[in-house]
């Protein structure tokens, strides 16, 4: 029987440039909810890929604040509202190469494709719909489906399980150090793209590229077959 391979995509920063919108929405939350001005995109970097709560906590710590559970809950709810408002007014196109790579994998009998994101179902679905990703035909795992967020491997282990493929036969596409760590901890191979941070910070990935336009299905297969 021929090998079956799995290709798992993160959403934020991989499918589309959501990190810019995440930051805009979050900066507005810090100003409106906590009266904290001067927050910038870099302040959230420690929370990239780890879910909304860790994202908010990261910037709060940069600005010398430890938020209560109630404050974090309010902040993440408001952040999602602001994010969805921005997306409704400014639809996000997919990053170059994303649709082509997904389409090629879905055409092959030896491939299964999944979405696996720490983001919520509502928020990630809005991004996937905006970018015109055929997620209804894919395994789709969100932060709502798991207890442990990245860098814990649960998200990617569940995606591999739902595809019916061993993690060792999967490649995860990531853009954040926490996601790379989660993919490697799951026993999968990882290709990182420098959409959200530098190549140096993604060095734990098996391969690092500036764009998904630079890779194809053969890149994925060769990486999996390299033991």
Protein backbone atom coordinates (compact mmCIF):
# COMPACT_ATOMS: atom_id res chain seq x y z
CA UNK A 1 0.00 0.00 0.00
CA UNK A 2 1.32 3.46 -0.92
CA UNK A 3 2.26 5.88 1.83
CA UNK A 4 -0.34 8.45 2.80
CA UNK A 5 0.95 11.83 3.86
CA UNK A 6 -0.58 14.56 6.01
CA UNK A 7 -0.26 18.30 5.48
CA UNK A 8 -1.38 20.43 8.44
CA UNK A 9 -1.82 24.20 8.20
CA UNK A 10 -1.88 26.68 11.04
CA UNK A 11 -4.20 29.64 10.32
CA UNK A 12 -2.98 32.91 11.83
CA UNK A 13 0.11 34.07 9.97
CA UNK A 14 0.11 31.05 7.64
CA UNK A 15 -3.17 31.16 5.72
CA UNK A 16 -3.43 34.95 5.76
CA UNK A 17 -1.79 37.99 7.37
CA UNK A 18 -4.00 37.87 10.45
CA UNK A 19 -1.21 38.91 12.82
CA UNK A 20 -1.51 42.52 11.69
CA UNK A 21 -5.26 42.42 12.36
CA UNK A 22 -4.79 40.57 15.66
CA UNK A 23 -2.40 43.29 16.78
CA UNK A 24 -4.71 46.12 15.69
CA UNK A 25 -7.66 44.59 17.52
CA UNK A 26 -5.58 43.88 20.63
CA UNK A 27 -4.00 47.34 20.77
CA UNK A 28 -7.51 48.82 20.68
CA UNK A 29 -8.54 46.48 23.55
CA UNK A 30 -5.62 47.63 25.72
CA UNK A 31 -6.56 51.26 25.14
CA UNK A 32 -10.35 50.87 25.47
CA UNK A 33 -10.45 48.34 28.32
CA UNK A 34 -7.34 49.12 30.36
CA UNK A 35 -6.40 52.65 29.29
CA UNK A 36 -2.94 51.48 28.26
CA UNK A 37 -1.53 53.41 25.31
CA UNK A 38 1.66 52.82 23.35
CA UNK A 39 1.15 49.06 22.87
CA UNK A 40 2.67 47.82 19.60
CA UNK A 41 2.68 44.62 17.57
CA UNK A 42 6.03 43.42 18.91
CA UNK A 43 4.65 43.40 22.47
CA UNK A 44 2.52 40.34 21.63
CA UNK A 45 5.34 38.24 20.18
CA UNK A 46 5.80 35.93 23.20
CA UNK A 47 2.15 34.91 22.87
CA UNK A 48 2.16 34.18 19.12
CA UNK A 49 0.44 30.87 18.32
CA UNK A 50 -0.48 30.16 21.95
CA UNK A 51 -4.13 31.23 21.87
CA UNK A 52 -5.89 34.50 22.70
CA UNK A 53 -5.26 34.44 26.47
CA UNK A 54 -1.48 34.03 26.20
CA UNK A 55 -1.41 36.61 23.40
CA UNK A 56 -3.06 39.21 25.64
CA UNK A 57 -0.95 38.28 28.69
CA UNK A 58 2.28 38.73 26.69
CA UNK A 59 1.66 42.41 25.97
CA UNK A 60 0.29 43.05 29.46
CA UNK A 61 3.59 41.79 30.93
CA UNK A 62 5.62 43.99 28.59
CA UNK A 63 3.69 46.94 30.07
CA UNK A 64 4.11 45.78 33.67
CA UNK A 65 0.58 44.46 34.18
CA UNK A 66 -0.58 41.08 35.48
CA UNK A 67 -4.22 40.69 34.47
CA UNK A 68 -6.84 38.86 36.52
CA UNK A 69 -8.74 35.93 35.01
CA UNK A 70 -11.81 38.16 34.65
CA UNK A 71 -9.80 40.85 32.85
CA UNK A 72 -8.28 38.27 30.51
CA UNK A 73 -11.72 36.87 29.71
CA UNK A 74 -13.12 40.34 28.93
CA UNK A 75 -10.05 41.24 26.87
CA UNK A 76 -10.14 38.10 24.72
CA UNK A 77 -13.89 38.45 24.09
CA UNK A 78 -13.51 42.09 23.07
CA UNK A 79 -10.44 41.27 20.97
CA UNK A 80 -12.44 38.73 18.98
CA UNK A 81 -15.28 41.24 18.47
CA UNK A 82 -12.85 43.88 17.19
CA UNK A 83 -11.08 41.30 14.99
CA UNK A 84 -14.33 40.17 13.36
CA UNK A 85 -15.39 43.81 12.82
CA UNK A 86 -12.12 44.60 11.03
CA UNK A 87 -12.36 41.42 8.92
CA UNK A 88 -15.95 42.22 7.86
CA UNK A 89 -14.79 45.60 6.54
CA UNK A 90 -11.39 44.50 5.20
CA UNK A 91 -11.43 40.90 3.89
CA UNK A 92 -8.06 39.16 4.07
CA UNK A 93 -6.66 37.47 0.97
CA UNK A 94 -4.61 34.28 1.41
CA UNK A 95 -0.83 34.52 1.44
CA UNK A 96 0.76 33.74 -1.96
CA UNK A 97 1.12 30.02 -2.60
CA UNK A 98 -1.40 28.88 0.03
CA UNK A 99 -4.35 28.02 -2.23
CA UNK A 100 -2.08 26.35 -4.78
CA UNK A 101 -0.40 24.11 -2.19
CA UNK A 102 -3.73 23.13 -0.60
CA UNK A 103 -5.31 22.40 -3.99
CA UNK A 104 -2.37 20.24 -5.10
CA UNK A 105 -2.42 18.22 -1.86
CA UNK A 106 -6.20 17.71 -1.99
CA UNK A 107 -5.96 16.43 -5.56
CA UNK A 108 -3.55 13.67 -4.61
CA UNK A 109 -4.84 10.30 -3.40
CA UNK A 110 -1.75 10.00 -1.20
CA UNK A 111 -2.48 13.20 0.78
CA UNK A 112 -4.81 14.31 3.55
CA UNK A 113 -5.05 17.98 4.53
CA UNK A 114 -5.93 19.55 7.88
CA UNK A 115 -6.34 22.93 9.54
CA UNK A 116 -5.06 23.08 13.14
CA UNK A 117 -5.18 26.41 14.97
CA UNK A 118 -5.12 27.63 18.57
CA UNK A 119 -7.69 30.23 17.52
CA UNK A 120 -11.40 29.86 18.25
CA UNK A 121 -13.82 28.26 15.81
CA UNK A 122 -15.60 31.56 15.09
CA UNK A 123 -12.45 33.59 14.57
CA UNK A 124 -10.56 31.02 12.48
CA UNK A 125 -13.62 30.26 10.36
CA UNK A 126 -13.95 33.96 9.50
CA UNK A 127 -10.32 33.97 8.31
CA UNK A 128 -10.72 30.76 6.28
CA UNK A 129 -13.89 32.04 4.62
CA UNK A 130 -12.26 35.39 3.85
CA UNK A 131 -9.27 33.62 2.26
CA UNK A 132 -11.57 31.20 0.38
CA UNK A 133 -10.00 28.07 1.90
CA UNK A 134 -12.06 24.86 1.29
CA UNK A 135 -11.93 23.97 5.00
CA UNK A 136 -15.25 22.07 4.84
CA UNK A 137 -13.40 19.34 2.92
CA UNK A 138 -10.53 19.18 5.42
CA UNK A 139 -9.96 17.96 8.96
CA UNK A 140 -10.49 21.12 11.02
CA UNK A 141 -9.17 21.44 14.59
CA UNK A 142 -9.43 24.66 16.62
CA UNK A 143 -8.58 25.82 20.11
CA UNK A 144 -12.13 24.83 21.08
CA UNK A 145 -11.21 21.16 20.52
CA UNK A 146 -8.18 20.94 22.80
CA UNK A 147 -7.29 21.54 26.43
CA UNK A 148 -3.61 22.37 25.88
CA UNK A 149 -2.47 25.13 23.54
CA UNK A 150 0.88 25.37 21.74
CA UNK A 151 3.74 24.71 22.42
CA UNK A 152 1.95 21.58 23.70
CA UNK A 153 1.55 19.10 20.79
CA UNK A 154 -2.12 18.22 21.45
CA UNK A 155 -3.47 20.28 18.53
CA UNK A 156 -1.29 18.55 15.95
CA UNK A 157 -1.63 15.10 17.50
CA UNK A 158 -5.42 15.41 17.24
CA UNK A 159 -5.20 16.60 13.63
CA UNK A 160 -3.03 13.61 12.70
CA UNK A 161 -5.39 11.25 14.53
CA UNK A 162 -8.45 12.67 12.72
CA UNK A 163 -6.66 12.25 9.38
CA UNK A 164 -5.75 8.69 10.34
CA UNK A 165 -2.05 9.33 9.71
CA UNK A 166 0.94 8.88 12.01
CA UNK A 167 2.45 12.24 13.03
CA UNK A 168 5.79 11.12 11.54
CA UNK A 169 4.09 11.11 8.13
CA UNK A 170 2.82 14.68 8.56
CA UNK A 171 4.27 18.10 7.80
CA UNK A 172 3.01 21.11 9.76
CA UNK A 173 3.16 24.59 8.20
CA UNK A 174 3.83 27.17 10.93
CA UNK A 175 4.87 30.79 11.38
CA UNK A 176 5.59 31.05 15.12
CA UNK A 177 8.23 29.51 17.42
CA UNK A 178 5.54 28.06 19.71
CA UNK A 179 3.93 26.34 16.74
CA UNK A 180 7.23 24.93 15.54
CA UNK A 181 7.88 23.53 19.03
CA UNK A 182 4.40 21.98 19.11
CA UNK A 183 4.86 20.34 15.70
CA UNK A 184 8.24 18.86 16.65
CA UNK A 185 6.88 17.68 20.03
CA UNK A 186 4.09 15.89 18.16
CA UNK A 187 6.69 13.97 16.14
CA UNK A 188 5.82 15.74 12.87
CA UNK A 189 8.09 17.52 10.42
CA UNK A 190 7.73 21.29 10.25
CA UNK A 191 8.06 23.90 7.52
CA UNK A 192 8.11 27.46 8.85
CA UNK A 193 7.36 30.66 6.94
CA UNK A 194 8.74 34.03 7.99
CA UNK A 195 5.38 35.82 7.79
CA UNK A 196 5.31 36.79 11.47
CA UNK A 197 8.88 36.61 12.77
CA UNK A 198 12.47 36.11 11.68
CA UNK A 199 14.07 32.95 10.31
CA UNK A 200 16.43 32.90 13.31
CA UNK A 201 13.49 32.53 15.70
CA UNK A 202 12.10 29.66 13.59
CA UNK A 203 15.36 27.73 13.45
CA UNK A 204 13.90 24.63 15.17
CA UNK A 205 11.81 23.97 12.04
CA UNK A 206 13.10 21.43 9.50
CA UNK A 207 12.85 23.98 6.70
CA UNK A 208 12.32 27.75 6.75
CA UNK A 209 11.05 29.79 3.80
CA UNK A 210 10.00 33.37 3.16
CA UNK A 211 6.89 32.26 1.26
CA UNK A 212 4.89 29.13 0.52
CA UNK A 213 5.40 29.98 -3.14
CA UNK A 214 8.87 28.54 -2.66
CA UNK A 215 7.65 25.02 -1.87
CA UNK A 216 5.55 22.34 -3.57
CA UNK A 217 4.17 18.87 -2.83
CA UNK A 218 7.52 17.28 -3.68
CA UNK A 219 9.16 19.41 -0.96
CA UNK A 220 6.66 18.00 1.54
CA UNK A 221 7.12 14.36 0.45
CA UNK A 222 10.91 14.59 0.45
CA UNK A 223 10.88 16.08 3.95
CA UNK A 224 8.69 13.28 5.32
CA UNK A 225 10.83 10.63 3.64
CA UNK A 226 13.99 12.08 5.18
CA UNK A 227 14.32 10.11 8.40
